Amino acid sequence: MQLKSLRLFMAVAKTGSFVAAANQLHTVQSNVTAHIKKLEDELDVQLIQRAGRVRPTSAGLALVEYTERMLTAHDEAVSLFKGQEKACGRLRIGAMETTTAIRLPPILAAYHAAQPDVDIQIKTGPTAELVELLLDGQVDCVFVAGRLEHSRYHLLKAFSEQLVLVGSTPMSTMPSSQKLLTSAFLAFRQGCSYRQRIELLLASHGVNAGRIFEFGSLDAMLGCVAAGMGYTVLPRGTVEAHQYRFGIHTLELPSSIANIDTYFAAFEPETWTPALASFAETLREAVVDEPQLTAS
């Protein structure tokens, strides 16, 4: 069944007239008649009662219900992929928990205000897991720590972070190697770039990566740091947003360890839905100095 035939059938069913249906869809009556006859031949059933008042038969009424759903689904699919002022559908974002908690809220709020018909889904995880989600098609874009080395990625440098050492007591200098050796470190699970910086910090002080306890929640991690369980390494902005609540303290780290950039990553722009394209534009407007998307 052709969509054109179904649209003409719906017009006849709703207007009760072949002439009115033809006028409504800017065609001629003979064309309407031919398409209705073609549908009836395909389905081997009479769809329109022609004697007296033109109206759908019982079979025609059943087809009306199916056709309404089919045409709605078709129109939604077309609107999803055709450029429109207002996007629709869904946007699936993968991001690190620290980015989700601190950096994304104002951007997501601005995006939702501009595109209220888009359903936003957020998945959090460490960088390595987020990359896998993107490759598997489970998310449309990700926010990850560091550049991704893949020719298919298009990247936007979104945020520059400064990592700090976080502890439960004031620190004026870096803890001694012995203290680092005997202390626990709290981090997100394997694949987290901040966890890798913990390992670099320990290695720079001649300490093998010892006890690193894994956490899936930022609040739980900071709560345990505040209770004196150990240290962690996190972006300064994240810590400052929670500092008063948890009573935690920070120490600056060497720039080689502290400085890390967060990138927005997605596949080629020609594959983007309007929802993703609009989000990338919202992000560009929010990013300081508005760096451009570039191939990795």
Protein backbone atom coordinates (compact mmCIF):
# COMPACT_ATOMS: atom_id res chain seq x y z
CA MET A 1 0.00 0.00 0.00
CA GLN A 2 1.31 3.40 -0.96
CA LEU A 3 1.21 6.27 1.50
CA LYS A 4 -0.36 8.45 -1.18
CA SER A 5 -3.19 5.97 -1.59
CA LEU A 6 -3.74 5.85 2.15
CA ARG A 7 -3.80 9.64 2.43
CA LEU A 8 -6.38 9.86 -0.35
CA PHE A 9 -8.43 7.12 1.30
CA MET A 10 -8.38 9.02 4.61
CA ALA A 11 -9.46 12.21 2.87
CA VAL A 12 -12.45 10.45 1.30
CA ALA A 13 -13.36 8.79 4.61
CA LYS A 14 -13.26 12.09 6.48
CA THR A 15 -14.88 14.38 3.91
CA GLY A 16 -17.46 11.90 2.62
CA SER A 17 -16.75 13.03 -0.93
CA PHE A 18 -14.38 12.10 -3.74
CA VAL A 19 -14.52 15.67 -5.04
CA ALA A 20 -13.80 17.21 -1.62
CA ALA A 21 -10.93 14.77 -1.07
CA ALA A 22 -9.44 15.70 -4.44
CA ASN A 23 -9.69 19.42 -3.67
CA GLN A 24 -8.20 18.94 -0.21
CA LEU A 25 -5.13 17.15 -1.56
CA HIS A 26 -4.82 19.24 -4.74
CA THR A 27 -5.45 16.48 -7.25
CA VAL A 28 -8.26 15.40 -9.59
CA GLN A 29 -11.22 13.19 -8.76
CA SER A 30 -10.18 10.47 -11.20
CA ASN A 31 -6.86 10.13 -9.38
CA VAL A 32 -8.65 9.70 -6.06
CA THR A 33 -10.95 7.09 -7.54
CA ALA A 34 -8.03 5.17 -9.06
CA HIS A 35 -6.10 5.05 -5.77
CA ILE A 36 -9.14 3.89 -3.79
CA LYS A 37 -9.78 1.16 -6.38
CA LYS A 38 -6.13 0.13 -6.16
CA LEU A 39 -6.37 -0.21 -2.37
CA GLU A 40 -9.55 -2.26 -2.64
CA ASP A 41 -7.90 -4.57 -5.19
CA GLU A 42 -4.84 -5.01 -2.97
CA LEU A 43 -6.91 -5.84 0.10
CA ASP A 44 -9.63 -7.67 -1.83
CA VAL A 45 -12.36 -5.83 0.05
CA GLN A 46 -14.66 -2.85 -0.55
CA LEU A 47 -13.50 0.12 1.52
CA ILE A 48 -15.86 2.91 0.43
CA GLN A 49 -19.63 2.71 0.05
CA ARG A 50 -20.38 4.58 -3.17
CA ALA A 51 -24.15 4.17 -3.41
CA GLY A 52 -25.94 7.08 -1.78
CA ARG A 53 -23.81 8.92 0.77
CA VAL A 54 -20.10 8.21 0.33
CA ARG A 55 -18.80 6.62 3.52
CA PRO A 56 -16.38 3.91 4.70
CA THR A 57 -17.62 0.34 4.90
CA SER A 58 -17.00 -1.66 8.06
CA ALA A 59 -13.71 -2.82 6.50
CA GLY A 60 -12.97 0.79 5.59
CA LEU A 61 -13.53 1.91 9.19
CA ALA A 62 -11.04 -0.72 10.36
CA LEU A 63 -8.51 0.53 7.83
CA VAL A 64 -9.04 4.12 9.04
CA GLU A 65 -7.74 3.15 12.50
CA TYR A 66 -4.64 1.45 11.10
CA THR A 67 -4.00 4.22 8.60
CA GLU A 68 -4.10 6.95 11.24
CA ARG A 69 -1.38 5.15 13.21
CA MET A 70 0.70 4.48 10.08
CA LEU A 71 0.57 8.07 8.86
CA THR A 72 1.34 9.44 12.33
CA ALA A 73 4.38 7.17 12.63
CA HIS A 74 5.53 8.14 9.14
CA ASP A 75 5.18 11.86 9.79
CA GLU A 76 7.04 11.57 13.12
CA ALA A 77 9.91 9.74 11.42
CA VAL A 78 10.14 12.38 8.70
CA SER A 79 10.11 15.24 11.21
CA LEU A 80 12.82 13.53 13.25
CA PHE A 81 15.32 13.59 10.41
CA LYS A 82 14.33 16.70 8.50
CA GLY A 83 15.77 19.97 9.73
CA GLN A 84 13.15 21.89 11.64
CA GLU A 85 13.19 24.89 13.94
CA LYS A 86 11.91 22.68 16.76
CA ALA A 87 13.57 19.30 17.21
CA CYS A 88 11.76 16.28 18.59
CA GLY A 89 12.50 12.68 19.49
CA ARG A 90 15.15 11.85 22.07
CA LEU A 91 18.68 12.85 22.91
CA ARG A 92 20.86 10.30 24.71
CA ILE A 93 23.86 11.81 26.48
CA GLY A 94 26.68 9.96 28.20
CA ALA A 95 28.76 11.90 30.72
CA MET A 96 31.05 11.52 33.67
CA GLU A 97 29.27 11.94 36.99
CA THR A 98 31.23 15.07 37.90
CA THR A 99 30.35 16.66 34.56
CA THR A 100 26.70 15.71 34.95
CA ALA A 101 26.50 17.14 38.45
CA ILE A 102 28.28 20.47 37.90
CA ARG A 103 28.80 21.38 34.25
CA LEU A 104 25.75 20.11 32.41
CA PRO A 105 22.74 21.41 34.41
CA PRO A 106 22.74 24.98 33.01
CA ILE A 107 23.39 23.69 29.49
CA LEU A 108 20.62 21.11 29.73
CA ALA A 109 18.24 23.74 31.11
CA ALA A 110 18.99 26.08 28.19
CA TYR A 111 18.58 23.24 25.71
CA HIS A 112 15.28 22.11 27.20
CA ALA A 113 13.97 25.68 27.05
CA ALA A 114 14.85 25.84 23.34
CA GLN A 115 13.75 22.29 22.46
CA PRO A 116 10.98 21.28 24.88
CA ASP A 117 9.79 18.41 22.67
CA VAL A 118 13.07 16.47 22.96
CA ASP A 119 13.24 13.73 25.59
CA ILE A 120 16.64 13.88 27.31
CA GLN A 121 18.27 10.72 28.65
CA ILE A 122 21.50 10.83 30.69
CA LYS A 123 23.83 7.90 31.33
CA THR A 124 26.81 8.36 33.64
CA GLY A 125 30.03 6.42 33.81
CA PRO A 126 33.82 6.64 33.49
CA THR A 127 35.38 7.72 30.21
CA ALA A 128 36.20 4.22 28.98
CA GLU A 129 32.62 3.03 29.47
CA LEU A 130 31.21 6.14 27.82
CA VAL A 131 33.32 5.54 24.73
CA GLU A 132 31.95 2.01 24.50
CA LEU A 133 28.39 3.31 24.83
CA LEU A 134 29.02 5.69 21.94
CA LEU A 135 30.58 2.99 19.78
CA ASP A 136 27.68 0.63 20.53
CA GLY A 137 25.12 3.27 19.56
CA GLN A 138 23.61 3.40 23.05
CA VAL A 139 24.16 7.16 23.32
CA ASP A 140 24.25 9.97 20.75
CA CYS A 141 27.12 11.91 22.31
CA VAL A 142 29.45 11.78 25.30
CA PHE A 143 31.42 14.05 27.57
CA VAL A 144 34.79 12.47 28.31
CA ALA A 145 38.11 13.40 29.85
CA GLY A 146 40.79 13.93 27.21
CA ARG A 147 40.78 13.72 23.42
CA LEU A 148 39.61 10.55 21.74
CA GLU A 149 41.88 9.12 19.07
CA HIS A 150 39.48 7.98 16.37
CA SER A 151 39.02 9.48 12.91
CA ARG A 152 35.23 9.22 13.10
CA TYR A 153 34.89 11.37 16.19
CA HIS A 154 34.11 15.05 16.05
CA LEU A 155 35.18 16.82 19.18
CA LEU A 156 34.38 20.03 20.98
CA LYS A 157 36.61 21.10 23.83
CA ALA A 158 33.90 21.81 26.37
CA PHE A 159 35.54 22.46 29.73
CA SER A 160 39.05 22.84 31.15
CA GLU A 161 39.33 21.28 34.58
CA GLN A 162 41.93 21.62 37.31
CA LEU A 163 42.17 18.52 39.46
CA VAL A 164 42.92 18.85 43.17
CA LEU A 165 43.76 16.46 45.97
CA VAL A 166 40.83 16.18 48.36
CA GLY A 167 41.09 15.22 52.02
CA SER A 168 39.31 15.56 55.35
CA THR A 169 41.83 17.95 56.95
CA PRO A 170 43.64 21.11 55.79
CA MET A 171 46.76 20.43 53.68
CA SER A 172 49.54 22.97 53.14
CA THR A 173 51.91 20.54 51.43
CA MET A 174 51.66 17.23 49.66
CA PRO A 175 51.45 14.30 52.10
CA SER A 176 54.68 12.35 52.43
CA SER A 177 55.35 9.29 50.34
CA GLN A 178 54.87 7.17 53.45
CA LYS A 179 51.52 8.83 54.11
CA LEU A 180 50.45 8.27 50.51
CA LEU A 181 51.59 4.65 50.72
CA THR A 182 49.53 3.92 53.80
CA SER A 183 46.46 5.93 52.83
CA ALA A 184 43.45 4.73 50.90
CA PHE A 185 42.36 6.54 47.75
CA LEU A 186 38.75 6.74 46.67
CA ALA A 187 37.86 6.77 42.97
CA PHE A 188 35.30 5.87 40.39
CA ARG A 189 35.63 2.46 38.78
CA GLN A 190 38.26 1.40 36.24
CA GLY A 191 38.22 3.48 33.08
CA CYS A 192 37.91 6.77 34.96
CA SER A 193 40.47 9.34 33.81
CA TYR A 194 40.61 10.90 37.28
CA ARG A 195 41.52 7.52 38.70
CA GLN A 196 44.41 7.39 36.23
CA ARG A 197 45.59 10.75 37.60
CA ILE A 198 45.60 9.26 41.11
CA GLU A 199 47.89 6.52 39.82
CA LEU A 200 50.13 9.15 38.17
CA LEU A 201 50.27 11.12 41.41
CA LEU A 202 51.31 8.09 43.40
CA ALA A 203 53.87 7.06 40.79
CA SER A 204 55.40 10.56 40.82
CA HIS A 205 56.08 10.05 44.54
CA GLY A 206 57.49 6.57 44.02
CA VAL A 207 54.41 4.89 45.42
CA ASN A 208 52.80 1.93 43.71
CA ALA A 209 49.05 2.23 43.27
CA GLY A 210 47.87 0.66 46.48
CA ARG A 211 44.44 0.65 47.98
CA ILE A 212 42.00 2.33 45.61
CA PHE A 213 38.42 1.88 46.70
CA GLU A 214 35.81 2.08 43.96
CA PHE A 215 32.67 4.20 44.26
CA GLY A 216 29.73 4.63 41.94
CA SER A 217 28.42 7.79 43.58
CA LEU A 218 30.07 11.19 43.92
CA ASP A 219 28.19 11.96 47.14
CA ALA A 220 29.23 8.66 48.70
CA MET A 221 32.84 9.23 47.74
CA LEU A 222 32.96 12.75 49.19
CA GLY A 223 31.14 11.63 52.32
CA CYS A 224 33.76 8.95 52.96
CA VAL A 225 36.61 11.39 52.27
CA ALA A 226 35.06 13.82 54.76
CA ALA A 227 34.88 11.01 57.32
CA GLY A 228 38.64 10.47 57.00
CA MET A 229 38.56 7.26 55.00
CA GLY A 230 41.12 8.49 52.50
CA TYR A 231 41.91 10.92 49.68
CA THR A 232 40.51 11.44 46.22
CA VAL A 233 41.32 13.51 43.13
CA LEU A 234 38.51 15.50 41.51
CA PRO A 235 37.94 18.71 39.51
CA ARG A 236 38.19 21.86 41.63
CA GLY A 237 34.75 23.04 40.49
CA THR A 238 33.15 19.80 41.63
CA VAL A 239 34.79 20.00 45.05
CA GLU A 240 33.95 23.68 45.54
CA ALA A 241 30.29 22.95 44.87
CA HIS A 242 30.30 20.38 47.69
CA GLN A 243 32.92 21.87 50.03
CA TYR A 244 30.57 23.57 52.48
CA ARG A 245 28.28 20.56 52.67
CA PHE A 246 31.02 18.01 53.36
CA GLY A 247 33.67 20.15 55.08
CA ILE A 248 36.43 18.80 52.84
CA HIS A 249 39.79 20.38 52.03
CA THR A 250 41.88 20.60 48.87
CA LEU A 251 45.48 20.89 47.77
CA GLU A 252 46.69 21.99 44.36
CA LEU A 253 48.45 19.38 42.25
CA PRO A 254 51.31 19.79 39.76
CA SER A 255 50.01 21.05 36.41
CA SER A 256 51.11 17.85 34.67
CA ILE A 257 48.58 15.99 36.79
CA ALA A 258 46.04 18.71 37.51
CA ASN A 259 45.16 19.99 34.04
CA ILE A 260 42.66 17.96 32.06
CA ASP A 261 40.09 18.90 29.42
CA THR A 262 36.58 17.56 29.02
CA TYR A 263 35.48 16.98 25.43
CA PHE A 264 32.09 16.61 23.82
CA ALA A 265 32.36 13.73 21.34
CA ALA A 266 29.98 12.41 18.70
CA PHE A 267 30.23 10.84 15.26
CA GLU A 268 30.18 12.81 12.01
CA PRO A 269 27.74 15.77 11.98
CA GLU A 270 26.06 14.43 8.83
CA THR A 271 24.75 11.54 10.97
CA TRP A 272 23.25 13.81 13.64
CA THR A 273 19.55 14.08 14.31
CA PRO A 274 18.11 17.60 14.66
CA ALA A 275 18.00 17.01 18.42
CA LEU A 276 21.75 16.34 18.58
CA ALA A 277 22.62 19.18 16.19
CA SER A 278 20.63 21.61 18.31
CA PHE A 279 22.33 20.38 21.48
CA ALA A 280 25.77 20.85 19.93
CA GLU A 281 24.80 24.42 19.05
CA THR A 282 23.59 25.07 22.59
CA LEU A 283 26.88 23.71 23.90
CA ARG A 284 28.92 25.90 21.53
CA GLU A 285 27.11 28.97 22.80
CA ALA A 286 27.83 27.99 26.39
CA VAL A 287 31.52 27.18 25.92
CA VAL A 288 33.96 30.00 26.61
CA ASP A 289 35.69 31.23 23.42
CA GLU A 290 33.37 28.98 21.41
CA PRO A 291 35.92 26.50 20.02
CA GLN A 292 34.82 24.77 16.84
CA LEU A 293 34.04 21.14 16.22
CA THR A 294 37.04 19.41 14.69
CA ALA A 295 37.87 15.92 13.59
CA SER A 296 39.97 13.99 16.06
